[in-house]
């Protein structure tokens, strides 16, 4: 039970980190495109 909870929390934190990383990438690309136009 405890190990499963630890794995779930680790997966959640990993998904959060990946989500923020992807969001930053898209945000930077969006800013560059808007500045070009």
C-alpha atoms as a PDB file:
ATOM      1  CA  UNK A   1       0.000   0.000   0.000  1.00  0.00           C
ATOM      2  CA  UNK A   2       2.672   2.517   1.036  1.00  0.00           C
ATOM      3  CA  UNK A   3       4.897   1.671  -1.940  1.00  0.00           C
ATOM      4  CA  UNK A   4       1.965   2.186  -4.297  1.00  0.00           C
ATOM      5  CA  UNK A   5       1.288   5.610  -2.777  1.00  0.00           C
ATOM      6  CA  UNK A   6       4.949   6.569  -3.217  1.00  0.00           C
ATOM      7  CA  UNK A   7       4.887   5.499  -6.864  1.00  0.00           C
ATOM      8  CA  UNK A   8       1.707   7.534  -7.481  1.00  0.00           C
ATOM      9  CA  UNK A   9       3.220  10.661  -5.921  1.00  0.00           C
ATOM     10  CA  UNK A  10       6.425  10.216  -7.962  1.00  0.00           C
ATOM     11  CA  UNK A  11       4.401   9.811 -11.157  1.00  0.00           C
ATOM     12  CA  UNK A  12       2.392  12.929 -10.323  1.00  0.00           C
ATOM     13  CA  UNK A  13       5.493  15.050  -9.720  1.00  0.00           C
ATOM     14  CA  UNK A  14       7.111  13.725 -12.909  1.00  0.00           C
ATOM     15  CA  UNK A  15       4.020  14.522 -14.980  1.00  0.00           C
ATOM     16  CA  UNK A  16       3.925  18.017 -13.464  1.00  0.00           C
ATOM     17  CA  UNK A  17       7.582  18.626 -14.361  1.00  0.00           C
ATOM     18  CA  UNK A  18       7.088  17.305 -17.896  1.00  0.00           C
ATOM     19  CA  UNK A  19       3.917  19.374 -18.303  1.00  0.00           C
ATOM     20  CA  UNK A  20       5.616  22.604 -17.238  1.00  0.00           C
ATOM     21  CA  UNK A  21       8.600  21.843 -19.517  1.00  0.00           C
ATOM     22  CA  UNK A  22       6.355  21.275 -22.556  1.00  0.00           C
ATOM     23  CA  UNK A  23       4.310  24.373 -21.669  1.00  0.00           C
ATOM     24  CA  UNK A  24       7.459  26.509 -21.501  1.00  0.00           C
ATOM     25  CA  UNK A  25       8.628  25.183 -24.882  1.00  0.00           C
ATOM     26  CA  UNK A  26       5.318  25.995 -26.554  1.00  0.00           C
ATOM     27  CA  UNK A  27       5.179  29.383 -24.800  1.00  0.00           C
ATOM     28  CA  UNK A  28       8.671  30.318 -26.035  1.00  0.00           C
ATOM     29  CA  UNK A  29       7.803  29.277 -29.601  1.00  0.00           C
ATOM     30  CA  UNK A  30       4.577  31.288 -29.388  1.00  0.00           C
ATOM     31  CA  UNK A  31       6.446  34.372 -28.147  1.00  0.00           C
ATOM     32  CA  UNK A  32       9.011  34.096 -30.949  1.00  0.00           C
ATOM     33  CA  UNK A  33       6.299  33.800 -33.597  1.00  0.00           C
ATOM     34  CA  UNK A  34       4.375  36.780 -32.254  1.00  0.00           C
ATOM     35  CA  UNK A  35       7.562  38.870 -32.144  1.00  0.00           C
ATOM     36  CA  UNK A  36       8.416  37.917 -35.734  1.00  0.00           C
ATOM     37  CA  UNK A  37       4.951  38.978 -36.908  1.00  0.00           C
END
